[in-house]
Amino acid sequence: MDTAPPREARETYRDAVEADVPALVALVESAYRGDASRAGWTTEADILDGRRTDHDGVRAVITTPGSRLVVVERDGDPVACCQLEHRGDAAYFGMFAVRPGLQGGGLGRRVLAEAERLAREEWGVREMHMTVISVRDELIAWYERRGYRRTGRMTPFPYGDERFGVPRRDDLEFELLVKELG
């Protein structure tokens, strides 16, 4: 009889600390930019060049009051992360990354569920908010299958601000997705 714990049992969740910044920047970049990101399905390499984040951006998420960066590890190695920010009756979910080679195996779904649980139980919020680039149909569909709804509320992509990447097309904007947390 096999008594080994299931693979996901080795995942640990914790709040990131400043010493995690270099590893988390590399994780986020690998999930979204460049050829390495093409190993997963969340790549933005066809719509954006440049960087996805930097050390200052990750450090700000870690150190800003009302904000936390949750890091997920397997055997001490960061494999996923997500940002949670307390915004009144809602929480904002962002900086979500799963190592490309692990995408499609349920890890992202578990991270999202844990983020929702943390926001609901620790902050008492009723909604989770996120913004997604509106042309990311496959990603939006993934969130919709997890209970998020498109709001049609758009904000412009910050063209010219390379902190968000260098657009490869001129029709990018962010759409707000919302989920009731109950």
C-alpha atoms as a PDB file:
ATOM      1  CA  MET A   1       0.000   0.000   0.000  1.00  0.00           C
ATOM      2  CA  ASP A   2       1.365   3.416  -0.978  1.00  0.00           C
ATOM      3  CA  THR A   3       1.333   5.724   2.047  1.00  0.00           C
ATOM      4  CA  ALA A   4       3.265   8.590   0.472  1.00  0.00           C
ATOM      5  CA  PRO A   5       1.457  11.931   0.774  1.00  0.00           C
ATOM      6  CA  PRO A   6      -0.040  13.383  -2.403  1.00  0.00           C
ATOM      7  CA  ARG A   7       2.189  15.785  -4.321  1.00  0.00           C
ATOM      8  CA  GLU A   8       0.260  18.875  -3.200  1.00  0.00           C
ATOM      9  CA  ALA A   9       0.795  17.919   0.442  1.00  0.00           C
ATOM     10  CA  ARG A  10       4.404  19.102   0.043  1.00  0.00           C
ATOM     11  CA  GLU A  11       3.270  22.628  -0.798  1.00  0.00           C
ATOM     12  CA  THR A  12       3.695  25.185   1.930  1.00  0.00           C
ATOM     13  CA  TYR A  13       2.232  28.683   1.958  1.00  0.00           C
ATOM     14  CA  ARG A  14       3.808  31.629   3.744  1.00  0.00           C
ATOM     15  CA  ASP A  15       4.125  35.381   3.525  1.00  0.00           C
ATOM     16  CA  ALA A  16       7.125  36.503   1.516  1.00  0.00           C
ATOM     17  CA  VAL A  17       9.953  38.416   3.179  1.00  0.00           C
ATOM     18  CA  GLU A  18      12.437  40.799   1.607  1.00  0.00           C
ATOM     19  CA  ALA A  19      15.033  38.034   1.238  1.00  0.00           C
ATOM     20  CA  ASP A  20      12.600  36.331  -1.201  1.00  0.00           C
ATOM     21  CA  VAL A  21      12.578  39.264  -3.646  1.00  0.00           C
ATOM     22  CA  PRO A  22      15.180  37.979  -6.170  1.00  0.00           C
ATOM     23  CA  ALA A  23      13.604  34.508  -6.386  1.00  0.00           C
ATOM     24  CA  LEU A  24      10.093  35.933  -6.721  1.00  0.00           C
ATOM     25  CA  VAL A  25      11.087  38.393  -9.454  1.00  0.00           C
ATOM     26  CA  ALA A  26      12.599  35.461 -11.377  1.00  0.00           C
ATOM     27  CA  LEU A  27       9.465  33.364 -10.813  1.00  0.00           C
ATOM     28  CA  VAL A  28       7.096  36.090 -12.060  1.00  0.00           C
ATOM     29  CA  GLU A  29       9.286  36.854 -15.064  1.00  0.00           C
ATOM     30  CA  SER A  30       9.493  33.161 -15.989  1.00  0.00           C
ATOM     31  CA  ALA A  31       5.715  32.786 -15.927  1.00  0.00           C
ATOM     32  CA  TYR A  32       4.981  35.739 -18.221  1.00  0.00           C
ATOM     33  CA  ARG A  33       7.928  36.926 -20.294  1.00  0.00           C
ATOM     34  CA  GLY A  34      10.434  35.549 -22.731  1.00  0.00           C
ATOM     35  CA  ASP A  35      10.887  32.104 -24.207  1.00  0.00           C
ATOM     36  CA  ALA A  36      10.941  30.381 -20.790  1.00  0.00           C
ATOM     37  CA  SER A  37       7.333  31.478 -20.242  1.00  0.00           C
ATOM     38  CA  ARG A  38       6.213  29.558 -23.339  1.00  0.00           C
ATOM     39  CA  ALA A  39       6.585  26.287 -21.373  1.00  0.00           C
ATOM     40  CA  GLY A  40       3.394  27.286 -19.558  1.00  0.00           C
ATOM     41  CA  TRP A  41       0.092  28.643 -20.815  1.00  0.00           C
ATOM     42  CA  THR A  42       0.103  32.009 -18.971  1.00  0.00           C
ATOM     43  CA  THR A  43       2.762  33.606 -21.171  1.00  0.00           C
ATOM     44  CA  GLU A  44       2.335  37.187 -22.284  1.00  0.00           C
ATOM     45  CA  ALA A  45       5.331  36.912 -24.623  1.00  0.00           C
ATOM     46  CA  ASP A  46       3.178  37.375 -27.729  1.00  0.00           C
ATOM     47  CA  ILE A  47       1.645  40.639 -26.506  1.00  0.00           C
ATOM     48  CA  LEU A  48       4.340  42.194 -24.309  1.00  0.00           C
ATOM     49  CA  ASP A  49       8.110  42.419 -24.281  1.00  0.00           C
ATOM     50  CA  GLY A  50      10.218  43.808 -21.470  1.00  0.00           C
ATOM     51  CA  ARG A  51       9.836  42.995 -17.835  1.00  0.00           C
ATOM     52  CA  ARG A  52       6.729  42.011 -15.851  1.00  0.00           C
ATOM     53  CA  THR A  53       8.018  43.282 -12.506  1.00  0.00           C
ATOM     54  CA  ASP A  54      11.199  44.298 -10.751  1.00  0.00           C
ATOM     55  CA  HIS A  55      12.812  44.141  -7.323  1.00  0.00           C
ATOM     56  CA  ASP A  56      11.241  47.437  -6.191  1.00  0.00           C
ATOM     57  CA  GLY A  57       7.753  46.349  -7.259  1.00  0.00           C
ATOM     58  CA  VAL A  58       7.968  43.015  -5.448  1.00  0.00           C
ATOM     59  CA  ARG A  59       9.510  44.644  -2.362  1.00  0.00           C
ATOM     60  CA  ALA A  60       6.652  47.185  -2.284  1.00  0.00           C
ATOM     61  CA  VAL A  61       4.034  44.408  -2.254  1.00  0.00           C
ATOM     62  CA  ILE A  62       5.850  42.731   0.634  1.00  0.00           C
ATOM     63  CA  THR A  63       6.336  45.866   2.752  1.00  0.00           C
ATOM     64  CA  THR A  64       3.182  47.938   2.137  1.00  0.00           C
ATOM     65  CA  PRO A  65       0.656  47.836   4.999  1.00  0.00           C
ATOM     66  CA  GLY A  66      -2.525  45.978   3.987  1.00  0.00           C
ATOM     67  CA  SER A  67      -0.619  44.057   1.332  1.00  0.00           C
ATOM     68  CA  ARG A  68       1.008  40.657   1.350  1.00  0.00           C
ATOM     69  CA  LEU A  69       2.787  38.461  -1.130  1.00  0.00           C
ATOM     70  CA  VAL A  70       2.046  34.794  -0.547  1.00  0.00           C
ATOM     71  CA  VAL A  71       4.801  32.441  -1.671  1.00  0.00           C
ATOM     72  CA  VAL A  72       4.155  28.758  -2.309  1.00  0.00           C
ATOM     73  CA  GLU A  73       7.050  26.367  -1.912  1.00  0.00           C
ATOM     74  CA  ARG A  74       7.683  22.735  -2.669  1.00  0.00           C
ATOM     75  CA  ASP A  75      10.574  21.318  -0.726  1.00  0.00           C
ATOM     76  CA  GLY A  76      11.745  24.870   0.064  1.00  0.00           C
ATOM     77  CA  ASP A  77      11.708  25.998  -3.587  1.00  0.00           C
ATOM     78  CA  PRO A  78       9.323  28.830  -4.632  1.00  0.00           C
ATOM     79  CA  VAL A  79       6.924  27.487  -7.262  1.00  0.00           C
ATOM     80  CA  ALA A  80       4.074  30.034  -7.132  1.00  0.00           C
ATOM     81  CA  CYS A  81       3.117  33.362  -5.622  1.00  0.00           C
ATOM     82  CA  CYS A  82       0.259  35.846  -5.456  1.00  0.00           C
ATOM     83  CA  GLN A  83      -0.378  39.313  -4.125  1.00  0.00           C
ATOM     84  CA  LEU A  84      -3.281  40.119  -1.827  1.00  0.00           C
ATOM     85  CA  GLU A  85      -4.178  43.707  -1.005  1.00  0.00           C
ATOM     86  CA  HIS A  86      -6.906  44.705   1.436  1.00  0.00           C
ATOM     87  CA  ARG A  87      -9.167  47.343  -0.153  1.00  0.00           C
ATOM     88  CA  GLY A  88     -12.119  47.934   2.168  1.00  0.00           C
ATOM     89  CA  ASP A  89     -14.844  45.349   1.503  1.00  0.00           C
ATOM     90  CA  ALA A  90     -12.748  43.743  -1.236  1.00  0.00           C
ATOM     91  CA  ALA A  91      -9.322  42.261  -1.690  1.00  0.00           C
ATOM     92  CA  TYR A  92      -7.214  42.734  -4.797  1.00  0.00           C
ATOM     93  CA  PHE A  93      -5.511  39.648  -6.247  1.00  0.00           C
ATOM     94  CA  GLY A  94      -2.451  40.157  -8.419  1.00  0.00           C
ATOM     95  CA  MET A  95       1.166  39.237  -9.169  1.00  0.00           C
ATOM     96  CA  PHE A  96      -0.036  35.662  -9.627  1.00  0.00           C
ATOM     97  CA  ALA A  97       2.624  33.357 -10.999  1.00  0.00           C
ATOM     98  CA  VAL A  98       3.097  29.604 -11.243  1.00  0.00           C
ATOM     99  CA  ARG A  99       6.359  28.109 -12.492  1.00  0.00           C
ATOM    100  CA  PRO A 100       5.739  27.341 -16.206  1.00  0.00           C
ATOM    101  CA  GLY A 101       6.570  23.625 -15.976  1.00  0.00           C
ATOM    102  CA  LEU A 102       3.992  23.195 -13.204  1.00  0.00           C
ATOM    103  CA  GLN A 103       1.129  25.003 -14.948  1.00  0.00           C
ATOM    104  CA  GLY A 104      -1.900  22.951 -15.877  1.00  0.00           C
ATOM    105  CA  GLY A 105      -1.592  20.560 -12.922  1.00  0.00           C
ATOM    106  CA  GLY A 106      -3.931  22.234 -10.435  1.00  0.00           C
ATOM    107  CA  LEU A 107      -1.383  24.272  -8.479  1.00  0.00           C
ATOM    108  CA  GLY A 108      -2.771  27.602  -9.697  1.00  0.00           C
ATOM    109  CA  ARG A 109      -6.305  26.566  -8.756  1.00  0.00           C
ATOM    110  CA  ARG A 110      -5.114  25.680  -5.231  1.00  0.00           C
ATOM    111  CA  VAL A 111      -3.207  28.953  -4.854  1.00  0.00           C
ATOM    112  CA  LEU A 112      -6.240  30.966  -5.954  1.00  0.00           C
ATOM    113  CA  ALA A 113      -8.500  29.070  -3.523  1.00  0.00           C
ATOM    114  CA  GLU A 114      -6.055  29.682  -0.660  1.00  0.00           C
ATOM    115  CA  ALA A 115      -5.859  33.395  -1.530  1.00  0.00           C
ATOM    116  CA  GLU A 116      -9.661  33.617  -1.468  1.00  0.00           C
ATOM    117  CA  ARG A 117      -9.771  31.814   1.885  1.00  0.00           C
ATOM    118  CA  LEU A 118      -7.133  34.116   3.393  1.00  0.00           C
ATOM    119  CA  ALA A 119      -8.910  37.258   2.158  1.00  0.00           C
ATOM    120  CA  ARG A 120     -12.286  36.073   3.462  1.00  0.00           C
ATOM    121  CA  GLU A 121     -11.095  34.735   6.832  1.00  0.00           C
ATOM    122  CA  GLU A 122      -8.363  37.218   7.728  1.00  0.00           C
ATOM    123  CA  TRP A 123      -9.822  40.428   6.306  1.00  0.00           C
ATOM    124  CA  GLY A 124     -13.537  39.564   6.228  1.00  0.00           C
ATOM    125  CA  VAL A 125     -13.897  40.817   2.659  1.00  0.00           C
ATOM    126  CA  ARG A 126     -16.885  39.901   0.527  1.00  0.00           C
ATOM    127  CA  GLU A 127     -15.288  40.202  -2.922  1.00  0.00           C
ATOM    128  CA  MET A 128     -12.039  39.453  -4.680  1.00  0.00           C
ATOM    129  CA  HIS A 129     -11.036  41.849  -7.470  1.00  0.00           C
ATOM    130  CA  MET A 130      -8.377  41.469 -10.129  1.00  0.00           C
ATOM    131  CA  THR A 131      -7.478  43.056 -13.433  1.00  0.00           C
ATOM    132  CA  VAL A 132      -6.578  41.023 -16.503  1.00  0.00           C
ATOM    133  CA  ILE A 133      -5.445  42.207 -19.921  1.00  0.00           C
ATOM    134  CA  SER A 134      -8.692  41.994 -21.886  1.00  0.00           C
ATOM    135  CA  VAL A 135      -7.201  40.153 -24.891  1.00  0.00           C
ATOM    136  CA  ARG A 136      -6.150  37.231 -22.633  1.00  0.00           C
ATOM    137  CA  ASP A 137      -9.267  35.192 -23.511  1.00  0.00           C
ATOM    138  CA  GLU A 138      -7.924  31.828 -22.318  1.00  0.00           C
ATOM    139  CA  LEU A 139      -6.842  33.275 -18.967  1.00  0.00           C
ATOM    140  CA  ILE A 140     -10.150  35.103 -18.462  1.00  0.00           C
ATOM    141  CA  ALA A 141     -12.017  31.875 -19.244  1.00  0.00           C
ATOM    142  CA  TRP A 142      -9.915  30.079 -16.605  1.00  0.00           C
ATOM    143  CA  TYR A 143     -10.954  32.675 -13.997  1.00  0.00           C
ATOM    144  CA  GLU A 144     -14.595  32.485 -15.110  1.00  0.00           C
ATOM    145  CA  ARG A 145     -14.554  28.725 -14.474  1.00  0.00           C
ATOM    146  CA  ARG A 146     -13.509  29.583 -10.923  1.00  0.00           C
ATOM    147  CA  GLY A 147     -16.438  31.928 -10.340  1.00  0.00           C
ATOM    148  CA  TYR A 148     -15.049  35.273 -11.491  1.00  0.00           C
ATOM    149  CA  ARG A 149     -17.225  37.462 -13.676  1.00  0.00           C
ATOM    150  CA  ARG A 150     -16.268  40.010 -16.260  1.00  0.00           C
ATOM    151  CA  THR A 151     -17.467  43.483 -15.328  1.00  0.00           C
ATOM    152  CA  GLY A 152     -16.804  45.300 -18.604  1.00  0.00           C
ATOM    153  CA  ARG A 153     -15.021  47.975 -16.524  1.00  0.00           C
ATOM    154  CA  MET A 154     -11.827  48.767 -18.374  1.00  0.00           C
ATOM    155  CA  THR A 155      -8.769  50.791 -17.506  1.00  0.00           C
ATOM    156  CA  PRO A 156      -6.212  51.814 -20.097  1.00  0.00           C
ATOM    157  CA  PHE A 157      -2.937  49.964 -20.436  1.00  0.00           C
ATOM    158  CA  PRO A 158      -0.110  52.307 -19.361  1.00  0.00           C
ATOM    159  CA  TYR A 159       1.535  52.645 -22.771  1.00  0.00           C
ATOM    160  CA  GLY A 160       4.948  54.263 -22.435  1.00  0.00           C
ATOM    161  CA  ASP A 161       5.502  53.030 -18.861  1.00  0.00           C
ATOM    162  CA  GLU A 162       7.957  50.176 -19.312  1.00  0.00           C
ATOM    163  CA  ARG A 163       7.385  49.004 -15.706  1.00  0.00           C
ATOM    164  CA  PHE A 164       4.371  47.180 -17.174  1.00  0.00           C
ATOM    165  CA  GLY A 165       6.156  45.856 -20.244  1.00  0.00           C
ATOM    166  CA  VAL A 166       6.629  46.972 -23.819  1.00  0.00           C
ATOM    167  CA  PRO A 167       3.413  46.342 -25.788  1.00  0.00           C
ATOM    168  CA  ARG A 168       3.590  44.489 -29.073  1.00  0.00           C
ATOM    169  CA  ARG A 169       0.071  45.639 -30.027  1.00  0.00           C
ATOM    170  CA  ASP A 170      -2.017  48.780 -29.598  1.00  0.00           C
ATOM    171  CA  ASP A 171      -5.307  47.351 -28.257  1.00  0.00           C
ATOM    172  CA  LEU A 172      -4.355  46.445 -24.694  1.00  0.00           C
ATOM    173  CA  GLU A 173      -6.465  47.400 -21.694  1.00  0.00           C
ATOM    174  CA  PHE A 174      -7.246  45.903 -18.304  1.00  0.00           C
ATOM    175  CA  GLU A 175     -10.649  44.481 -17.391  1.00  0.00           C
ATOM    176  CA  LEU A 176     -11.833  44.181 -13.811  1.00  0.00           C
ATOM    177  CA  LEU A 177     -12.908  40.664 -12.806  1.00  0.00           C
ATOM    178  CA  VAL A 178     -14.866  40.149  -9.574  1.00  0.00           C
ATOM    179  CA  LYS A 179     -15.863  37.154  -7.474  1.00  0.00           C
ATOM    180  CA  GLU A 180     -18.246  37.137  -4.512  1.00  0.00           C
ATOM    181  CA  LEU A 181     -16.515  35.357  -1.636  1.00  0.00           C
ATOM    182  CA  GLY A 182     -19.661  34.763   0.433  1.00  0.00           C
END
